[in-house]
Protein backbone atom coordinates (compact mmCIF):
# COMPACT_ATOMS: atom_id res chain seq x y z
CA MET A 1 -12.19 5.35 4.89
CA GLN A 2 -9.05 6.15 2.94
CA LYS A 3 -8.11 3.45 0.49
CA ILE A 4 -4.60 2.22 -0.16
CA LEU A 5 -3.21 1.88 -3.68
CA TYR A 6 -0.36 -0.60 -3.74
CA PHE A 7 1.84 -0.62 -6.86
CA HIS A 8 4.02 -3.70 -7.35
CA PHE A 9 5.01 -6.40 -9.78
CA ASP A 10 5.28 -10.14 -9.25
CA SER A 11 8.99 -10.70 -9.85
CA CYS A 12 10.13 -7.84 -7.59
CA PRO A 13 11.76 -9.32 -4.45
CA TYR A 14 11.02 -6.14 -2.48
CA CYS A 15 7.35 -6.42 -3.44
CA GLN A 16 7.28 -10.08 -2.43
CA GLN A 17 8.62 -9.16 1.00
CA ALA A 18 6.16 -6.26 1.30
CA ASN A 19 3.36 -8.70 0.39
CA ARG A 20 4.39 -11.04 3.22
CA TRP A 21 4.52 -8.20 5.74
CA LEU A 22 1.19 -6.85 4.52
CA GLU A 23 -0.49 -10.26 4.85
CA ASP A 24 1.02 -10.78 8.33
CA LEU A 25 -0.19 -7.38 9.50
CA LEU A 26 -3.67 -7.91 8.04
CA SER A 27 -3.96 -11.22 9.87
CA GLU A 28 -2.69 -9.73 13.15
CA ASN A 29 -5.07 -6.78 13.32
CA PRO A 30 -8.73 -7.04 12.23
CA GLN A 31 -8.94 -3.22 11.88
CA TYR A 32 -6.49 -3.35 8.99
CA ARG A 33 -8.69 -5.82 7.09
CA ALA A 34 -11.38 -3.13 6.81
CA ILE A 35 -9.04 -0.86 4.81
CA PRO A 36 -9.73 -1.11 1.07
CA ILE A 37 -6.46 -2.04 -0.65
CA THR A 38 -6.20 -1.97 -4.42
CA ARG A 39 -3.19 -3.90 -5.68
CA ILE A 40 -1.94 -2.71 -9.05
CA ASP A 41 0.60 -4.78 -10.93
CA GLU A 42 2.35 -2.09 -12.94
CA ARG A 43 3.36 -4.54 -15.65
CA LYS A 44 -0.21 -5.74 -16.16
CA GLU A 45 -1.79 -2.29 -15.83
CA PRO A 46 0.82 0.13 -17.23
CA ILE A 47 -1.70 2.76 -18.35
CA LEU A 48 -3.10 3.04 -14.83
CA ALA A 49 0.36 2.93 -13.22
CA ASP A 50 1.62 5.70 -15.51
CA GLN A 51 -1.01 8.03 -14.05
CA TYR A 52 0.85 8.08 -10.72
CA ASP A 53 4.11 9.78 -9.81
CA TYR A 54 6.51 7.08 -8.64
CA TYR A 55 9.58 5.30 -9.92
CA TYR A 56 10.26 2.35 -7.59
CA VAL A 57 8.06 -0.46 -6.32
CA PRO A 58 6.63 -1.25 -3.93
CA THR A 59 4.82 2.06 -3.73
CA PHE A 60 1.87 2.84 -1.47
CA TYR A 61 -0.62 5.68 -1.73
CA VAL A 62 -3.13 6.50 0.99
CA GLY A 63 -5.92 8.26 -0.82
CA ASP A 64 -4.15 10.55 -3.30
CA ARG A 65 -0.97 10.94 -1.22
CA LYS A 66 2.14 8.86 -1.83
CA VAL A 67 3.30 7.61 1.57
CA HIS A 68 6.00 5.10 0.65
CA GLU A 69 8.16 4.27 -2.38
CA GLY A 70 10.88 1.63 -2.75
CA ALA A 71 12.18 -1.18 -0.56
CA ALA A 72 10.02 -1.44 2.54
CA THR A 73 10.40 -2.70 6.06
CA ARG A 74 7.68 -4.26 8.19
CA GLU A 75 7.53 -0.98 10.11
CA LYS A 76 6.98 1.02 6.91
CA VAL A 77 4.16 -1.26 5.78
CA LEU A 78 2.66 -0.92 9.26
CA SER A 79 2.96 2.87 8.93
CA VAL A 80 1.02 2.77 5.64
CA LEU A 81 -1.81 0.87 7.32
CA GLU A 82 -1.79 3.21 10.31
CA GLN A 83 -1.91 6.27 8.04
CA ALA A 84 -4.94 4.82 6.24
CA LEU A 85 -6.69 4.30 9.58
CA ALA A 86 -5.74 7.78 10.82
CA ALA A 87 -7.04 9.31 7.60
CA ALA A 88 -10.28 7.43 8.11
CA ASP A 89 -10.55 8.73 11.69
CA THR A 90 -9.92 12.29 10.49
CA ILE A 91 -12.60 12.05 7.82
CA ALA A 92 -15.13 10.34 10.10
CA GLY A 93 -14.38 12.67 13.04
């Protein structure tokens, strides 16, 4: 299954909203809970964060591919989860 890397930092209001949408979506759909999500606080892990090509948070990668950067909507967070599932189906299929 394709993992999600989620770059954020605690005081970012856009990240806080993305966190709420992510938690809502994870609780609504059990399939999403199976997706491995690594949350990386760029201020606490700057060396790791600097290895990725992004400027704004929240940023989501599915596998090695950046799929969203910057202020998110619920629909965009949902799209990230769906892309992770689709990538898993492609690999498994």
